Amino acid sequence: MTTQVIVLNGGSSSGKSGIVRCLQAVLRDPWLVAAVDSLIEAMPASLQTSDAGIEFAADGGLKVGSAFRELETAWMEGVAAMARAGARVIVDDVFLGGATSQERWQKAFGGLDVLWVGVRCESTVAAGREVARGDRVQGMAASQAEMVHRGVVYDLEVDTTHTESLDCARAIAAQVK
C-alpha cells in the first residue's frame, strides 16, 4: 500500500514545521500540509479565549474545551477525506492527550496507510527555540516535550536536538512507500 498520510507529533518548538517544509521539498509527489496551528488560526477569536475553545495559560499550559474538540473532530475527518480523495497529506500536530489524541486520528484515518512519526527535541533546546521565535507562550515547549509522546506508538522517531530538519525529513521520506 502507498503511504497516504504522514503524521508528525511533537511538542511546541520541536521542529515539526521545519521538517514539513523539507519533506515537501524532498518527497517525489506533492503533499499538502494540515497543521493544528492552522486549525487554531481558522477558529473564531472567541474560541481562542474561552473555556469552550482553547486557552493558553501564562505558564505555557493549554486547556481545550468542548467547542474546540467538536471543530477538531470535523477537521480531522476533513483531513482524512482529502487523503481518501487522493491528496497526500502531512499532519503537523501536538498530541496534548498523548495516546488518546493518536486514537482520535486513527479513527479518522481508518483504512488509510499512515506513517506515524514522533518528533523529539530536548526540552531545554525547544525552550530556547520558543524564546527565539517570540510567538509562543514561554513554557509550552518544556511542558509538552515529553507529555505529547506518552503512550503514542510510532513507525519512526526523529530527534531535532542535534539533527537538522533536512536530515530528519530524509529519514522520514525513506520510510514513505
Protein backbone atom coordinates (compact mmCIF):
# COMPACT_ATOMS: atom_id res chain seq x y z
CA MET A 1 0.00 0.00 0.00
CA THR A 2 1.16 3.56 -0.70
CA THR A 3 1.63 5.97 2.19
CA GLN A 4 -1.24 8.44 2.08
CA VAL A 5 -0.66 10.35 5.31
CA ILE A 6 2.39 11.26 7.38
CA VAL A 7 1.60 12.33 10.95
CA LEU A 8 4.26 14.33 12.77
CA ASN A 9 3.67 14.60 16.51
CA GLY A 10 5.87 16.66 18.77
CA GLY A 11 5.77 19.41 21.32
CA SER A 12 5.82 23.10 20.59
CA SER A 13 9.10 24.28 19.01
CA SER A 14 10.30 20.71 18.47
CA GLY A 15 11.00 21.35 14.79
CA LYS A 16 7.92 19.90 13.09
CA SER A 17 7.27 22.89 10.81
CA GLY A 18 10.85 22.87 9.51
CA ILE A 19 10.62 19.15 8.83
CA VAL A 20 7.31 19.66 7.00
CA ARG A 21 8.87 22.23 4.64
CA CYS A 22 11.81 19.92 3.98
CA LEU A 23 9.51 16.93 3.41
CA GLN A 24 7.59 18.90 0.79
CA ALA A 25 10.91 19.61 -0.93
CA VAL A 26 12.32 16.06 -0.85
CA LEU A 27 9.23 13.90 -1.42
CA ARG A 28 8.67 12.94 -5.04
CA ASP A 29 4.93 13.72 -5.13
CA PRO A 30 3.21 16.91 -3.92
CA TRP A 31 1.99 16.73 -0.32
CA LEU A 32 -0.49 19.06 1.41
CA VAL A 33 0.04 20.19 5.00
CA ALA A 34 -2.62 20.10 7.70
CA ALA A 35 -1.23 21.83 10.79
CA VAL A 36 -3.03 22.14 14.10
CA ASP A 37 -1.76 25.74 14.25
CA SER A 38 -3.76 26.45 11.08
CA LEU A 39 -6.86 24.94 12.67
CA ILE A 40 -6.45 27.21 15.70
CA GLU A 41 -5.91 30.27 13.48
CA ALA A 42 -9.04 29.38 11.48
CA MET A 43 -11.24 29.35 14.59
CA PRO A 44 -13.16 32.43 15.63
CA ALA A 45 -11.24 34.67 18.02
CA SER A 46 -13.89 33.98 20.67
CA LEU A 47 -12.83 30.31 20.81
CA GLN A 48 -9.22 31.30 21.34
CA THR A 49 -10.08 32.98 24.62
CA SER A 50 -12.90 30.93 26.15
CA ASP A 51 -13.49 27.80 28.21
CA ALA A 52 -15.28 26.21 25.25
CA GLY A 53 -12.33 26.80 22.92
CA ILE A 54 -8.63 26.74 23.65
CA GLU A 55 -6.98 28.65 26.46
CA PHE A 56 -3.27 29.38 26.66
CA ALA A 57 -2.16 29.72 30.28
CA ALA A 58 0.60 32.14 31.27
CA ASP A 59 2.85 29.20 32.23
CA GLY A 60 2.52 27.57 28.79
CA GLY A 61 -0.21 25.12 29.71
CA LEU A 62 -3.23 24.59 27.47
CA LYS A 63 -6.88 23.86 28.20
CA VAL A 64 -9.15 22.58 25.45
CA GLY A 65 -12.93 22.86 25.63
CA SER A 66 -15.89 21.11 24.02
CA ALA A 67 -16.35 23.52 21.10
CA PHE A 68 -12.68 23.15 20.19
CA ARG A 69 -12.98 19.34 20.30
CA GLU A 70 -16.05 19.41 18.03
CA LEU A 71 -14.27 21.54 15.43
CA GLU A 72 -11.09 19.49 15.78
CA THR A 73 -13.03 16.27 15.11
CA ALA A 74 -14.58 17.80 11.98
CA TRP A 75 -11.13 18.99 10.88
CA MET A 76 -9.65 15.50 11.39
CA GLU A 77 -12.44 13.97 9.30
CA GLY A 78 -11.82 16.62 6.62
CA VAL A 79 -8.10 15.84 6.53
CA ALA A 80 -8.91 12.13 6.20
CA ALA A 81 -11.40 12.91 3.40
CA MET A 82 -8.68 14.78 1.49
CA ALA A 83 -6.42 11.74 1.76
CA ARG A 84 -9.22 9.42 0.66
CA ALA A 85 -9.83 11.72 -2.33
CA GLY A 86 -6.22 11.20 -3.44
CA ALA A 87 -4.28 14.05 -1.79
CA ARG A 88 -1.20 13.03 0.13
CA VAL A 89 -1.23 14.84 3.48
CA ILE A 90 1.34 15.67 6.15
CA VAL A 91 -0.27 16.33 9.53
CA ASP A 92 1.64 18.60 11.93
CA ASP A 93 0.09 18.09 15.35
CA VAL A 94 0.71 18.28 19.09
CA PHE A 95 -0.88 15.30 20.85
CA LEU A 96 -1.84 17.05 24.08
CA GLY A 97 -3.70 13.87 25.07
CA GLY A 98 -0.85 11.52 24.12
CA ALA A 99 -2.26 8.12 23.13
CA THR A 100 -5.85 9.42 23.26
CA SER A 101 -5.01 12.00 20.58
CA GLN A 102 -3.47 9.31 18.40
CA GLU A 103 -6.59 7.17 18.82
CA ARG A 104 -8.79 10.02 17.54
CA TRP A 105 -6.59 10.30 14.42
CA GLN A 106 -6.58 6.51 13.95
CA LYS A 107 -10.38 6.54 13.98
CA ALA A 108 -10.48 9.31 11.34
CA PHE A 109 -7.81 7.59 9.22
CA GLY A 110 -9.44 4.15 9.23
CA GLY A 111 -8.40 2.29 6.05
CA LEU A 112 -5.65 4.75 5.11
CA ASP A 113 -1.92 3.98 5.09
CA VAL A 114 -0.41 6.28 7.72
CA LEU A 115 3.24 6.80 8.69
CA TRP A 116 3.38 7.83 12.37
CA VAL A 117 6.42 9.95 13.23
CA GLY A 118 7.47 11.20 16.65
CA VAL A 119 9.44 14.44 16.57
CA ARG A 120 11.51 14.78 19.73
CA CYS A 121 13.69 17.59 21.00
CA GLU A 122 15.34 18.08 24.39
CA SER A 123 13.14 20.43 26.39
CA THR A 124 15.95 22.95 27.00
CA VAL A 125 16.67 23.23 23.28
CA ALA A 126 12.95 23.52 22.42
CA ALA A 127 12.58 26.19 25.13
CA GLY A 128 15.42 28.16 23.56
CA ARG A 129 13.73 27.96 20.17
CA GLU A 130 10.49 29.09 21.77
CA VAL A 131 12.15 32.24 23.11
CA ALA A 132 13.85 32.92 19.76
CA ARG A 133 10.55 32.57 17.88
CA GLY A 134 8.82 35.06 20.10
CA ASP A 135 5.33 33.92 19.04
CA ARG A 136 4.70 31.30 21.75
CA VAL A 137 3.81 31.43 25.39
CA GLN A 138 7.00 30.63 27.24
CA GLY A 139 6.78 27.28 28.98
CA MET A 140 4.82 25.43 26.28
CA ALA A 141 7.90 23.75 24.80
CA ALA A 142 9.14 22.45 28.14
CA SER A 143 5.71 21.28 29.31
CA GLN A 144 4.95 19.49 26.04
CA ALA A 145 8.35 17.96 25.23
CA GLU A 146 7.59 14.55 26.77
CA MET A 147 3.86 14.74 27.51
CA VAL A 148 2.80 14.58 23.84
CA HIS A 149 4.61 11.24 23.35
CA ARG A 150 3.08 9.36 26.32
CA GLY A 151 1.59 6.11 25.10
CA VAL A 152 1.94 7.03 21.41
CA VAL A 153 3.17 4.31 19.05
CA TYR A 154 5.37 5.41 16.15
CA ASP A 155 6.73 3.87 12.98
CA LEU A 156 9.72 6.21 13.24
CA GLU A 157 11.12 8.78 15.64
CA VAL A 158 13.45 11.66 14.83
CA ASP A 159 15.23 13.99 17.23
CA THR A 160 15.88 17.58 16.21
CA THR A 161 18.02 18.39 19.23
CA HIS A 162 21.21 17.97 17.18
CA THR A 163 19.84 16.89 13.78
CA GLU A 164 18.84 19.34 11.06
CA SER A 165 15.30 19.37 9.65
CA LEU A 166 16.51 18.25 6.23
CA ASP A 167 18.22 15.16 7.64
CA CYS A 168 15.09 14.31 9.65
CA ALA A 169 12.95 14.79 6.52
CA ARG A 170 15.22 12.48 4.51
CA ALA A 171 14.92 9.79 7.20
CA ILE A 172 11.12 10.11 7.10
CA ALA A 173 10.99 10.18 3.28
CA ALA A 174 12.97 6.92 3.21
CA GLN A 175 10.03 5.28 5.05
CA VAL A 176 7.37 6.55 2.65
CA LYS A 177 6.02 3.86 0.34
